[in-house]
PDB file of N, CA and C in Angstrom:
ATOM      1  N   MET A   1       0.851  -1.173   0.000  1.00  0.00           N
ATOM      2  CA  MET A   1       0.000   0.000   0.000  1.00  0.00           C
ATOM      3  C   MET A   1       0.894   1.232   0.000  1.00  0.00           C
ATOM      4  N   VAL A   2       0.599   2.151  -0.880  1.00  0.00           N
ATOM      5  CA  VAL A   2       1.280   3.445  -0.914  1.00  0.00           C
ATOM      6  C   VAL A   2       0.263   4.478  -0.456  1.00  0.00           C
ATOM      7  N   TYR A   3       0.610   5.204   0.579  1.00  0.00           N
ATOM      8  CA  TYR A   3      -0.301   6.141   1.218  1.00  0.00           C
ATOM      9  C   TYR A   3       0.046   7.541   0.748  1.00  0.00           C
ATOM     10  N   THR A   4      -0.881   8.230   0.087  1.00  0.00           N
ATOM     11  CA  THR A   4      -0.637   9.576  -0.434  1.00  0.00           C
ATOM     12  C   THR A   4      -1.776  10.499  -0.003  1.00  0.00           C
ATOM     13  N   ALA A   5      -1.674  11.765  -0.395  1.00  0.00           N
ATOM     14  CA  ALA A   5      -2.713  12.750  -0.074  1.00  0.00           C
ATOM     15  C   ALA A   5      -2.981  13.612  -1.297  1.00  0.00           C
ATOM     16  N   ASP A   6      -4.138  14.273  -1.288  1.00  0.00           N
ATOM     17  CA  ASP A   6      -4.534  15.149  -2.391  1.00  0.00           C
ATOM     18  C   ASP A   6      -3.636  16.367  -2.547  1.00  0.00           C
ATOM     19  N   SER A   7      -3.010  16.796  -1.448  1.00  0.00           N
ATOM     20  CA  SER A   7      -2.211  18.016  -1.504  1.00  0.00           C
ATOM     21  C   SER A   7      -0.951  17.851  -0.660  1.00  0.00           C
ATOM     22  N   LEU A   8       0.049  18.679  -0.948  1.00  0.00           N
ATOM     23  CA  LEU A   8       1.273  18.665  -0.156  1.00  0.00           C
ATOM     24  C   LEU A   8       0.980  19.063   1.283  1.00  0.00           C
ATOM     25  N   ALA A   9       0.057  20.000   1.468  1.00  0.00           N
ATOM     26  CA  ALA A   9      -0.293  20.437   2.829  1.00  0.00           C
ATOM     27  C   ALA A   9      -0.871  19.280   3.640  1.00  0.00           C
ATOM     28  N   LEU A  10      -1.799  18.518   3.053  1.00  0.00           N
ATOM     29  CA  LEU A  10      -2.377  17.394   3.778  1.00  0.00           C
ATOM     30  C   LEU A  10      -1.344  16.296   3.989  1.00  0.00           C
ATOM     31  N   ALA A  11      -0.498  16.042   3.013  1.00  0.00           N
ATOM     32  CA  ALA A  11       0.562  15.038   3.181  1.00  0.00           C
ATOM     33  C   ALA A  11       1.482  15.428   4.330  1.00  0.00           C
ATOM     34  N   THR A  12       1.807  16.705   4.429  1.00  0.00           N
ATOM     35  CA  THR A  12       2.660  17.186   5.512  1.00  0.00           C
ATOM     36  C   THR A  12       1.972  17.016   6.860  1.00  0.00           C
ATOM     37  N   LEU A  13       0.695  17.355   6.921  1.00  0.00           N
ATOM     38  CA  LEU A  13      -0.064  17.192   8.155  1.00  0.00           C
ATOM     39  C   LEU A  13      -0.137  15.719   8.553  1.00  0.00           C
ATOM     40  N   GLU A  14      -0.434  14.850   7.595  1.00  0.00           N
ATOM     41  CA  GLU A  14      -0.512  13.417   7.862  1.00  0.00           C
ATOM     42  C   GLU A  14       0.830  12.883   8.374  1.00  0.00           C
ATOM     43  N   LEU A  15       1.925  13.334   7.781  1.00  0.00           N
ATOM     44  CA  LEU A  15       3.256  12.903   8.209  1.00  0.00           C
ATOM     45  C   LEU A  15       3.592  13.439   9.594  1.00  0.00           C
ATOM     46  N   SER A  16       3.258  14.692   9.847  1.00  0.00           N
ATOM     47  CA  SER A  16       3.669  15.342  11.091  1.00  0.00           C
ATOM     48  C   SER A  16       3.073  14.693  12.339  1.00  0.00           C
ATOM     49  N   VAL A  17       1.908  14.071  12.228  1.00  0.00           N
ATOM     50  CA  VAL A  17       1.310  13.445  13.415  1.00  0.00           C
ATOM     51  C   VAL A  17       2.053  12.178  13.830  1.00  0.00           C
ATOM     52  N   HIS A  18       2.950  11.698  12.965  1.00  0.00           N
ATOM     53  CA  HIS A  18       3.700  10.481  13.272  1.00  0.00           C
ATOM     54  C   HIS A  18       5.156  10.756  13.632  1.00  0.00           C
ATOM     55  N   LEU A  19       5.539  12.004  13.679  1.00  0.00           N
ATOM     56  CA  LEU A  19       6.930  12.344  13.974  1.00  0.00           C
ATOM     57  C   LEU A  19       7.149  12.467  15.468  1.00  0.00           C
ATOM     58  N   ALA A  20       8.391  12.260  15.863  1.00  0.00           N
ATOM     59  CA  ALA A  20       8.722  12.327  17.296  1.00  0.00           C
ATOM     60  C   ALA A  20       9.837  13.331  17.539  1.00  0.00           C
ATOM     61  N   GLY A  21       9.544  14.605  17.287  1.00  0.00           N
ATOM     62  CA  GLY A  21      10.429  15.672  17.703  1.00  0.00           C
ATOM     63  C   GLY A  21      11.728  15.865  16.966  1.00  0.00           C
ATOM     64  N   ALA A  22      11.815  15.559  15.720  1.00  0.00           N
ATOM     65  CA  ALA A  22      13.052  15.774  14.976  1.00  0.00           C
ATOM     66  C   ALA A  22      12.773  16.636  13.746  1.00  0.00           C
ATOM     67  N   ARG A  23      13.792  17.378  13.320  1.00  0.00           N
ATOM     68  CA  ARG A  23      13.672  18.110  12.060  1.00  0.00           C
ATOM     69  C   ARG A  23      13.751  17.072  10.954  1.00  0.00           C
ATOM     70  N   VAL A  24      12.764  17.057  10.085  1.00  0.00           N
ATOM     71  CA  VAL A  24      12.649  15.979   9.110  1.00  0.00           C
ATOM     72  C   VAL A  24      12.708  16.533   7.693  1.00  0.00           C
ATOM     73  N   ALA A  25      13.472  15.846   6.874  1.00  0.00           N
ATOM     74  CA  ALA A  25      13.495  16.141   5.444  1.00  0.00           C
ATOM     75  C   ALA A  25      12.964  14.905   4.721  1.00  0.00           C
ATOM     76  N   TYR A  26      12.154  15.123   3.720  1.00  0.00           N
ATOM     77  CA  TYR A  26      11.642  14.006   2.946  1.00  0.00           C
ATOM     78  C   TYR A  26      11.471  14.444   1.499  1.00  0.00           C
ATOM     79  N   SER A  27      11.186  13.509   0.638  1.00  0.00           N
ATOM     80  CA  SER A  27      10.937  13.823  -0.768  1.00  0.00           C
ATOM     81  C   SER A  27       9.443  13.797  -1.018  1.00  0.00           C
ATOM     82  N   ALA A  28       8.963  14.831  -1.663  1.00  0.00           N
ATOM     83  CA  ALA A  28       7.575  14.875  -2.103  1.00  0.00           C
ATOM     84  C   ALA A  28       7.563  14.461  -3.570  1.00  0.00           C
ATOM     85  N   ILE A  29       6.645  13.595  -3.910  1.00  0.00           N
ATOM     86  CA  ILE A  29       6.512  13.148  -5.294  1.00  0.00           C
ATOM     87  C   ILE A  29       5.074  13.395  -5.720  1.00  0.00           C
ATOM     88  N   GLU A  30       4.905  14.268  -6.692  1.00  0.00           N
ATOM     89  CA  GLU A  30       3.571  14.518  -7.236  1.00  0.00           C
ATOM     90  C   GLU A  30       3.356  13.540  -8.383  1.00  0.00           C
ATOM     91  N   VAL A  31       2.233  12.819  -8.330  1.00  0.00           N
ATOM     92  CA  VAL A  31       1.908  11.865  -9.381  1.00  0.00           C
ATOM     93  C   VAL A  31       0.556  12.195  -9.980  1.00  0.00           C
ATOM     94  N   ASP A  32       0.336  11.703 -11.174  1.00  0.00           N
ATOM     95  CA  ASP A  32      -0.945  11.870 -11.848  1.00  0.00           C
ATOM     96  C   ASP A  32      -1.556  10.489 -12.043  1.00  0.00           C
ATOM     97  N   ILE A  33      -2.767  10.327 -11.545  1.00  0.00           N
ATOM     98  CA  ILE A  33      -3.517   9.089 -11.711  1.00  0.00           C
ATOM     99  C   ILE A  33      -4.850   9.462 -12.346  1.00  0.00           C
ATOM    100  N   ALA A  34      -5.192   8.794 -13.410  1.00  0.00           N
ATOM    101  CA  ALA A  34      -6.445   9.090 -14.109  1.00  0.00           C
ATOM    102  C   ALA A  34      -7.643   8.832 -13.202  1.00  0.00           C
ATOM    103  N   ASP A  35      -8.652   9.678 -13.323  1.00  0.00           N
ATOM    104  CA  ASP A  35      -9.861   9.544 -12.512  1.00  0.00           C
ATOM    105  C   ASP A  35     -10.491   8.154 -12.635  1.00  0.00           C
ATOM    106  N   VAL A  36     -10.412   7.560 -13.822  1.00  0.00           N
ATOM    107  CA  VAL A  36     -11.017   6.237 -14.025  1.00  0.00           C
ATOM    108  C   VAL A  36     -10.321   5.159 -13.204  1.00  0.00           C
ATOM    109  N   ASP A  37      -9.115   5.422 -12.742  1.00  0.00           N
ATOM    110  CA  ASP A  37      -8.352   4.456 -11.950  1.00  0.00           C
ATOM    111  C   ASP A  37      -8.542   4.640 -10.444  1.00  0.00           C
ATOM    112  N   ILE A  38      -9.378   5.599 -10.045  1.00  0.00           N
ATOM    113  CA  ILE A  38      -9.570   5.902  -8.624  1.00  0.00           C
ATOM    114  C   ILE A  38     -11.000   5.593  -8.208  1.00  0.00           C
ATOM    115  N   THR A  39     -11.132   4.797  -7.157  1.00  0.00           N
ATOM    116  CA  THR A  39     -12.426   4.532  -6.533  1.00  0.00           C
ATOM    117  C   THR A  39     -12.538   5.442  -5.318  1.00  0.00           C
ATOM    118  N   GLU A  40     -13.699   6.026  -5.110  1.00  0.00           N
ATOM    119  CA  GLU A  40     -13.925   6.932  -3.968  1.00  0.00           C
ATOM    120  C   GLU A  40     -14.660   6.183  -2.870  1.00  0.00           C
ATOM    121  N   LEU A  41     -14.178   6.317  -1.640  1.00  0.00           N
ATOM    122  CA  LEU A  41     -14.834   5.745  -0.472  1.00  0.00           C
ATOM    123  C   LEU A  41     -15.191   6.900   0.451  1.00  0.00           C
ATOM    124  N   SER A  42     -16.464   7.178   0.579  1.00  0.00           N
ATOM    125  CA  SER A  42     -16.891   8.305   1.406  1.00  0.00           C
ATOM    126  C   SER A  42     -16.939   7.903   2.877  1.00  0.00           C
ATOM    127  N   ALA A  43     -17.020   8.892   3.742  1.00  0.00           N
ATOM    128  CA  ALA A  43     -17.113   8.639   5.180  1.00  0.00           C
ATOM    129  C   ALA A  43     -18.362   7.824   5.499  1.00  0.00           C
ATOM    130  N   ASP A  44     -19.428   8.008   4.728  1.00  0.00           N
ATOM    131  CA  ASP A  44     -20.669   7.264   4.949  1.00  0.00           C
ATOM    132  C   ASP A  44     -20.512   5.765   4.698  1.00  0.00           C
ATOM    133  N   GLU A  45     -19.535   5.406   3.883  1.00  0.00           N
ATOM    134  CA  GLU A  45     -19.306   4.001   3.550  1.00  0.00           C
ATOM    135  C   GLU A  45     -18.345   3.312   4.513  1.00  0.00           C
ATOM    136  N   LEU A  46     -17.741   4.084   5.401  1.00  0.00           N
ATOM    137  CA  LEU A  46     -16.808   3.531   6.387  1.00  0.00           C
ATOM    138  C   LEU A  46     -17.553   3.123   7.649  1.00  0.00           C
ATOM    139  N   PRO A  47     -16.939   2.292   8.485  1.00  0.00           N
ATOM    140  CA  PRO A  47     -17.584   1.943   9.753  1.00  0.00           C
ATOM    141  C   PRO A  47     -17.932   3.209  10.541  1.00  0.00           C
ATOM    142  N   ARG A  48     -18.970   3.143  11.338  1.00  0.00           N
ATOM    143  CA  ARG A  48     -19.496   4.311  12.054  1.00  0.00           C
ATOM    144  C   ARG A  48     -18.424   5.045  12.857  1.00  0.00           C
ATOM    145  N   ARG A  49     -17.557   4.332  13.501  1.00  0.00           N
ATOM    146  CA  ARG A  49     -16.520   4.952  14.350  1.00  0.00           C
ATOM    147  C   ARG A  49     -15.158   4.954  13.656  1.00  0.00           C
ATOM    148  N   TRP A  50     -15.136   5.152  12.349  1.00  0.00           N
ATOM    149  CA  TRP A  50     -13.895   5.045  11.588  1.00  0.00           C
ATOM    150  C   TRP A  50     -12.808   5.993  12.066  1.00  0.00           C
ATOM    151  N   LYS A  51     -13.167   7.135  12.598  1.00  0.00           N
ATOM    152  CA  LYS A  51     -12.151   8.101  13.033  1.00  0.00           C
ATOM    153  C   LYS A  51     -11.372   7.616  14.249  1.00  0.00           C
ATOM    154  N   SER A  52     -11.949   6.747  15.048  1.00  0.00           N
ATOM    155  CA  SER A  52     -11.259   6.256  16.235  1.00  0.00           C
ATOM    156  C   SER A  52     -10.933   4.767  16.169  1.00  0.00           C
ATOM    157  N   ASP A  53     -11.384   4.079  15.134  1.00  0.00           N
ATOM    158  CA  ASP A  53     -11.163   2.636  15.015  1.00  0.00           C
ATOM    159  C   ASP A  53     -10.215   2.350  13.854  1.00  0.00           C
ATOM    160  N   GLU A  54      -8.929   2.473  14.134  1.00  0.00           N
ATOM    161  CA  GLU A  54      -7.916   2.279  13.089  1.00  0.00           C
ATOM    162  C   GLU A  54      -7.969   0.867  12.502  1.00  0.00           C
ATOM    163  N   ALA A  55      -8.247  -0.128  13.321  1.00  0.00           N
ATOM    164  CA  ALA A  55      -8.317  -1.508  12.833  1.00  0.00           C
ATOM    165  C   ALA A  55      -9.430  -1.674  11.794  1.00  0.00           C
ATOM    166  N   ALA A  56     -10.552  -1.015  12.005  1.00  0.00           N
ATOM    167  CA  ALA A  56     -11.666  -1.119  11.057  1.00  0.00           C
ATOM    168  C   ALA A  56     -11.300  -0.506   9.709  1.00  0.00           C
ATOM    169  N   THR A  57     -10.608   0.643   9.742  1.00  0.00           N
ATOM    170  CA  THR A  57     -10.224   1.259   8.468  1.00  0.00           C
ATOM    171  C   THR A  57      -9.137   0.434   7.780  1.00  0.00           C
ATOM    172  N   GLN A  58      -8.262  -0.183   8.558  1.00  0.00           N
ATOM    173  CA  GLN A  58      -7.248  -1.059   7.963  1.00  0.00           C
ATOM    174  C   GLN A  58      -7.899  -2.267   7.296  1.00  0.00           C
ATOM    175  N   ARG A  59      -8.912  -2.834   7.933  1.00  0.00           N
ATOM    176  CA  ARG A  59      -9.617  -3.964   7.324  1.00  0.00           C
ATOM    177  C   ARG A  59     -10.282  -3.559   6.008  1.00  0.00           C
ATOM    178  N   ALA A  60     -10.885  -2.375   5.990  1.00  0.00           N
ATOM    179  CA  ALA A  60     -11.515  -1.882   4.754  1.00  0.00           C
ATOM    180  C   ALA A  60     -10.455  -1.710   3.659  1.00  0.00           C
ATOM    181  N   GLY A  61      -9.305  -1.172   4.017  1.00  0.00           N
ATOM    182  CA  GLY A  61      -8.227  -0.994   3.052  1.00  0.00           C
ATOM    183  C   GLY A  61      -7.665  -2.317   2.560  1.00  0.00           C
ATOM    184  N   GLU A  62      -7.525  -3.271   3.458  1.00  0.00           N
ATOM    185  CA  GLU A  62      -7.026  -4.590   3.063  1.00  0.00           C
ATOM    186  C   GLU A  62      -8.011  -5.299   2.132  1.00  0.00           C
ATOM    187  N   LYS A  63      -9.296  -5.159   2.414  1.00  0.00           N
ATOM    188  CA  LYS A  63     -10.327  -5.764   1.553  1.00  0.00           C
ATOM    189  C   LYS A  63     -10.245  -5.165   0.153  1.00  0.00           C
ATOM    190  N   TRP A  64     -10.113  -3.832   0.075  1.00  0.00           N
ATOM    191  CA  TRP A  64      -9.991  -3.173  -1.227  1.00  0.00           C
ATOM    192  C   TRP A  64      -8.715  -3.630  -1.937  1.00  0.00           C
ATOM    193  N   THR A  65      -7.598  -3.709  -1.222  1.00  0.00           N
ATOM    194  CA  THR A  65      -6.325  -4.116  -1.820  1.00  0.00           C
ATOM    195  C   THR A  65      -6.444  -5.507  -2.441  1.00  0.00           C
ATOM    196  N   ARG A  66      -6.995  -6.442  -1.689  1.00  0.00           N
ATOM    197  CA  ARG A  66      -7.130  -7.822  -2.185  1.00  0.00           C
ATOM    198  C   ARG A  66      -8.067  -7.911  -3.385  1.00  0.00           C
ATOM    199  N   SER A  67      -9.070  -7.040  -3.441  1.00  0.00           N
ATOM    200  CA  SER A  67     -10.058  -7.109  -4.517  1.00  0.00           C
ATOM    201  C   SER A  67      -9.483  -6.706  -5.875  1.00  0.00           C
ATOM    202  N   LEU A  68      -8.427  -5.886  -5.874  1.00  0.00           N
ATOM    203  CA  LEU A  68      -7.830  -5.353  -7.106  1.00  0.00           C
ATOM    204  C   LEU A  68      -8.855  -4.622  -7.965  1.00  0.00           C
ATOM    205  N   MET A  69      -9.892  -4.057  -7.330  1.00  0.00           N
ATOM    206  CA  MET A  69     -10.975  -3.388  -8.069  1.00  0.00           C
ATOM    207  C   MET A  69     -10.526  -2.091  -8.738  1.00  0.00           C
ATOM    208  N   SER A  70      -9.494  -1.430  -8.178  1.00  0.00           N
ATOM    209  CA  SER A  70      -8.994  -0.200  -8.781  1.00  0.00           C
ATOM    210  C   SER A  70      -7.547   0.017  -8.364  1.00  0.00           C
ATOM    211  N   LEU A  71      -6.876   0.861  -9.104  1.00  0.00           N
ATOM    212  CA  LEU A  71      -5.486   1.194  -8.811  1.00  0.00           C
ATOM    213  C   LEU A  71      -5.374   2.018  -7.530  1.00  0.00           C
ATOM    214  N   ALA A  72      -6.328   2.928  -7.318  1.00  0.00           N
ATOM    215  CA  ALA A  72      -6.261   3.838  -6.176  1.00  0.00           C
ATOM    216  C   ALA A  72      -7.615   3.959  -5.498  1.00  0.00           C
ATOM    217  N   LEU A  73      -7.557   4.247  -4.207  1.00  0.00           N
ATOM    218  CA  LEU A  73      -8.759   4.422  -3.406  1.00  0.00           C
ATOM    219  C   LEU A  73      -8.657   5.749  -2.674  1.00  0.00           C
ATOM    220  N   ARG A  74      -9.590   6.647  -2.969  1.00  0.00           N
ATOM    221  CA  ARG A  74      -9.610   7.951  -2.289  1.00  0.00           C
ATOM    222  C   ARG A  74     -10.485   7.833  -1.061  1.00  0.00           C
ATOM    223  N   VAL A  75      -9.899   8.194   0.094  1.00  0.00           N
ATOM    224  CA  VAL A  75     -10.597   8.065   1.377  1.00  0.00           C
ATOM    225  C   VAL A  75     -10.522   9.389   2.132  1.00  0.00           C
ATOM    226  N   PRO A  76     -11.464   9.632   3.036  1.00  0.00           N
ATOM    227  CA  PRO A  76     -11.391  10.864   3.832  1.00  0.00           C
ATOM    228  C   PRO A  76     -10.224  10.803   4.818  1.00  0.00           C
ATOM    229  N   SER A  77      -9.725  11.962   5.175  1.00  0.00           N
ATOM    230  CA  SER A  77      -8.674  12.062   6.193  1.00  0.00           C
ATOM    231  C   SER A  77      -9.321  12.313   7.538  1.00  0.00           C
ATOM    232  N   VAL A  78      -8.812  11.674   8.560  1.00  0.00           N
ATOM    233  CA  VAL A  78      -9.318  11.908   9.903  1.00  0.00           C
ATOM    234  C   VAL A  78      -8.854  13.273  10.421  1.00  0.00           C
ATOM    235  N   LEU A  79      -7.844  13.857   9.786  1.00  0.00           N
ATOM    236  CA  LEU A  79      -7.228  15.085  10.283  1.00  0.00           C
ATOM    237  C   LEU A  79      -7.876  16.373   9.794  1.00  0.00           C
ATOM    238  N   VAL A  80      -8.637  16.313   8.711  1.00  0.00           N
ATOM    239  CA  VAL A  80      -9.265  17.533   8.193  1.00  0.00           C
ATOM    240  C   VAL A  80     -10.764  17.299   7.998  1.00  0.00           C
ATOM    241  N   ASP A  81     -11.512  18.346   8.089  1.00  0.00           N
ATOM    242  CA  ASP A  81     -12.953  18.276   7.905  1.00  0.00           C
ATOM    243  C   ASP A  81     -13.248  17.848   6.463  1.00  0.00           C
ATOM    244  N   ALA A  82     -14.151  16.906   6.301  1.00  0.00           N
ATOM    245  CA  ALA A  82     -14.499  16.386   4.974  1.00  0.00           C
ATOM    246  C   ALA A  82     -14.995  17.471   4.037  1.00  0.00           C
ATOM    247  N   ARG A  83     -15.545  18.555   4.594  1.00  0.00           N
ATOM    248  CA  ARG A  83     -16.055  19.641   3.751  1.00  0.00           C
ATOM    249  C   ARG A  83     -14.946  20.359   3.002  1.00  0.00           C
ATOM    250  N   SER A  84     -13.674  20.117   3.399  1.00  0.00           N
ATOM    251  CA  SER A  84     -12.545  20.740   2.697  1.00  0.00           C
ATOM    252  C   SER A  84     -12.370  20.150   1.305  1.00  0.00           C
ATOM    253  N   GLY A  85     -12.918  18.958   1.103  1.00  0.00           N
ATOM    254  CA  GLY A  85     -12.756  18.294  -0.190  1.00  0.00           C
ATOM    255  C   GLY A  85     -11.438  17.551  -0.323  1.00  0.00           C
ATOM    256  N   GLU A  86     -10.582  17.646   0.692  1.00  0.00           N
ATOM    257  CA  GLU A  86      -9.298  16.952   0.628  1.00  0.00           C
ATOM    258  C   GLU A  86      -9.425  15.544   1.181  1.00  0.00           C
ATOM    259  N   GLY A  87      -8.567  14.675   0.735  1.00  0.00           N
ATOM    260  CA  GLY A  87      -8.568  13.311   1.226  1.00  0.00           C
ATOM    261  C   GLY A  87      -7.243  12.649   0.954  1.00  0.00           C
ATOM    262  N   ASN A  88      -7.143  11.407   1.370  1.00  0.00           N
ATOM    263  CA  ASN A  88      -5.956  10.610   1.130  1.00  0.00           C
ATOM    264  C   ASN A  88      -6.231   9.654  -0.020  1.00  0.00           C
ATOM    265  N   VAL A  89      -5.186   9.317  -0.735  1.00  0.00           N
ATOM    266  CA  VAL A  89      -5.319   8.409  -1.861  1.00  0.00           C
ATOM    267  C   VAL A  89      -4.382   7.229  -1.621  1.00  0.00           C
ATOM    268  N   LEU A  90      -4.971   6.060  -1.489  1.00  0.00           N
ATOM    269  CA  LEU A  90      -4.202   4.835  -1.302  1.00  0.00           C
ATOM    270  C   LEU A  90      -3.950   4.230  -2.671  1.00  0.00           C
ATOM    271  N   ILE A  91      -2.716   3.838  -2.919  1.00  0.00           N
ATOM    272  CA  ILE A  91      -2.351   3.241  -4.201  1.00  0.00           C
ATOM    273  C   ILE A  91      -1.997   1.783  -3.964  1.00  0.00           C
ATOM    274  N   ASN A  92      -2.567   0.903  -4.774  1.00  0.00           N
ATOM    275  CA  ASN A  92      -2.312  -0.525  -4.656  1.00  0.00           C
ATOM    276  C   ASN A  92      -1.194  -0.913  -5.625  1.00  0.00           C
ATOM    277  N   PRO A  93       0.025  -1.137  -5.125  1.00  0.00           N
ATOM    278  CA  PRO A  93       1.140  -1.461  -6.016  1.00  0.00           C
ATOM    279  C   PRO A  93       1.005  -2.825  -6.690  1.00  0.00           C
ATOM    280  N   ALA A  94       0.070  -3.658  -6.244  1.00  0.00           N
ATOM    281  CA  ALA A  94      -0.148  -4.966  -6.863  1.00  0.00           C
ATOM    282  C   ALA A  94      -1.090  -4.893  -8.059  1.00  0.00           C
ATOM    283  N   HIS A  95      -1.677  -3.719  -8.304  1.00  0.00           N
ATOM    284  CA  HIS A  95      -2.650  -3.581  -9.391  1.00  0.00           C
ATOM    285  C   HIS A  95      -1.930  -3.495 -10.737  1.00  0.00           C
ATOM    286  N   ASP A  96      -2.533  -4.070 -11.758  1.00  0.00           N
ATOM    287  CA  ASP A  96      -1.941  -4.084 -13.106  1.00  0.00           C
ATOM    288  C   ASP A  96      -1.752  -2.699 -13.708  1.00  0.00           C
ATOM    289  N   ALA A  97      -2.502  -1.705 -13.239  1.00  0.00           N
ATOM    290  CA  ALA A  97      -2.466  -0.370 -13.841  1.00  0.00           C
ATOM    291  C   ALA A  97      -1.365   0.530 -13.272  1.00  0.00           C
ATOM    292  N   THR A  98      -0.495   0.023 -12.418  1.00  0.00           N
ATOM    293  CA  THR A  98       0.532   0.890 -11.814  1.00  0.00           C
ATOM    294  C   THR A  98       1.410   1.564 -12.864  1.00  0.00           C
ATOM    295  N   ALA A  99       1.595   0.941 -14.002  1.00  0.00           N
ATOM    296  CA  ALA A  99       2.420   1.539 -15.056  1.00  0.00           C
ATOM    297  C   ALA A  99       1.807   2.830 -15.598  1.00  0.00           C
ATOM    298  N   ARG A 100       0.518   3.038 -15.368  1.00  0.00           N
ATOM    299  CA  ARG A 100      -0.141   4.259 -15.858  1.00  0.00           C
ATOM    300  C   ARG A 100       0.068   5.455 -14.923  1.00  0.00           C
ATOM    301  N   ILE A 101       0.652   5.242 -13.752  1.00  0.00           N
ATOM    302  CA  ILE A 101       0.921   6.364 -12.847  1.00  0.00           C
ATOM    303  C   ILE A 101       2.069   7.178 -13.436  1.00  0.00           C
ATOM    304  N   ALA A 102       1.843   8.474 -13.570  1.00  0.00           N
ATOM    305  CA  ALA A 102       2.873   9.350 -14.137  1.00  0.00           C
ATOM    306  C   ALA A 102       3.444  10.260 -13.049  1.00  0.00           C
ATOM    307  N   GLU A 103       4.756  10.257 -12.914  1.00  0.00           N
ATOM    308  CA  GLU A 103       5.391  11.180 -11.975  1.00  0.00           C
ATOM    309  C   GLU A 103       5.438  12.564 -12.613  1.00  0.00           C
ATOM    310  N   VAL A 104       4.899  13.551 -11.922  1.00  0.00           N
ATOM    311  CA  VAL A 104       4.859  14.927 -12.413  1.00  0.00           C
ATOM    312  C   VAL A 104       6.097  15.681 -11.979  1.00  0.00           C
ATOM    313  N   GLN A 105       6.416  15.576 -10.698  1.00  0.00           N
ATOM    314  CA  GLN A 105       7.616  16.230 -10.176  1.00  0.00           C
ATOM    315  C   GLN A 105       8.012  15.600  -8.853  1.00  0.00           C
ATOM    316  N   ARG A 106       9.282  15.827  -8.470  1.00  0.00           N
ATOM    317  CA  ARG A 106       9.822  15.318  -7.215  1.00  0.00           C
ATOM    318  C   ARG A 106      10.706  16.409  -6.639  1.00  0.00           C
ATOM    319  N   PHE A 107      10.566  16.659  -5.336  1.00  0.00           N
ATOM    320  CA  PHE A 107      11.384  17.696  -4.721  1.00  0.00           C
ATOM    321  C   PHE A 107      11.560  17.422  -3.231  1.00  0.00           C
ATOM    322  N   ARG A 108      12.584  18.015  -2.655  1.00  0.00           N
ATOM    323  CA  ARG A 108      12.904  17.844  -1.241  1.00  0.00           C
ATOM    324  C   ARG A 108      12.071  18.813  -0.410  1.00  0.00           C
ATOM    325  N   VAL A 109      11.563  18.315   0.709  1.00  0.00           N
ATOM    326  CA  VAL A 109      10.783  19.134   1.633  1.00  0.00           C
ATOM    327  C   VAL A 109      11.399  18.988   3.021  1.00  0.00           C
ATOM    328  N   VAL A 110      11.592  20.113   3.697  1.00  0.00           N
ATOM    329  CA  VAL A 110      12.055  20.082   5.078  1.00  0.00           C
ATOM    330  C   VAL A 110      10.943  20.642   5.942  1.00  0.00           C
ATOM    331  N   LEU A 111      10.473  19.848   6.872  1.00  0.00           N
ATOM    332  CA  LEU A 111       9.380  20.280   7.735  1.00  0.00           C
ATOM    333  C   LEU A 111       9.854  21.318   8.735  1.00  0.00           C
ATOM    334  N   ASP A 112       9.071  22.329   8.932  1.00  0.00           N
ATOM    335  CA  ASP A 112       9.331  23.344   9.938  1.00  0.00           C
ATOM    336  C   ASP A 112       9.346  22.670  11.318  1.00  0.00           C
ATOM    337  N   GLU A 113      10.280  23.027  12.134  1.00  0.00           N
ATOM    338  CA  GLU A 113      10.417  22.412  13.448  1.00  0.00           C
ATOM    339  C   GLU A 113       9.182  22.599  14.333  1.00  0.00           C
ATOM    340  N   ARG A 114       8.360  23.584  14.049  1.00  0.00           N
ATOM    341  CA  ARG A 114       7.147  23.802  14.847  1.00  0.00           C
ATOM    342  C   ARG A 114       6.106  22.706  14.635  1.00  0.00           C
ATOM    343  N   LEU A 115       6.267  21.892  13.602  1.00  0.00           N
ATOM    344  CA  LEU A 115       5.310  20.822  13.323  1.00  0.00           C
ATOM    345  C   LEU A 115       5.551  19.578  14.164  1.00  0.00           C
ATOM    346  N   ARG A 116       6.580  19.576  14.979  1.00  0.00           N
ATOM    347  CA  ARG A 116       6.878  18.394  15.790  1.00  0.00           C
ATOM    348  C   ARG A 116       5.817  18.129  16.791  1.00  0.00           C
TER     349      ARG A 116
END
């Protein structure tokens, strides 16, 4: 599973909640995936307590991964209000369509120390 986000800002926020007090540098990779290759999973389709039940969301992701129904799955982020329109995009590297993913750009990002 490759875990991505709709925007660099959301990717940074998602990463920052897992950091433990260090100045971090990472590479951001912007990719293009055709809309036809992305399945959308709304908050209404997730278990009722999805925001606090990580195991339930992992099971949903594993079920989607095994199904090979699509190259990518767009899911809501627990960190931002769904009304923002932003979400996370899970990419299934086992899917036959991975060759259609196009890298747009790659660059180094250093997180501001205040995000620790």
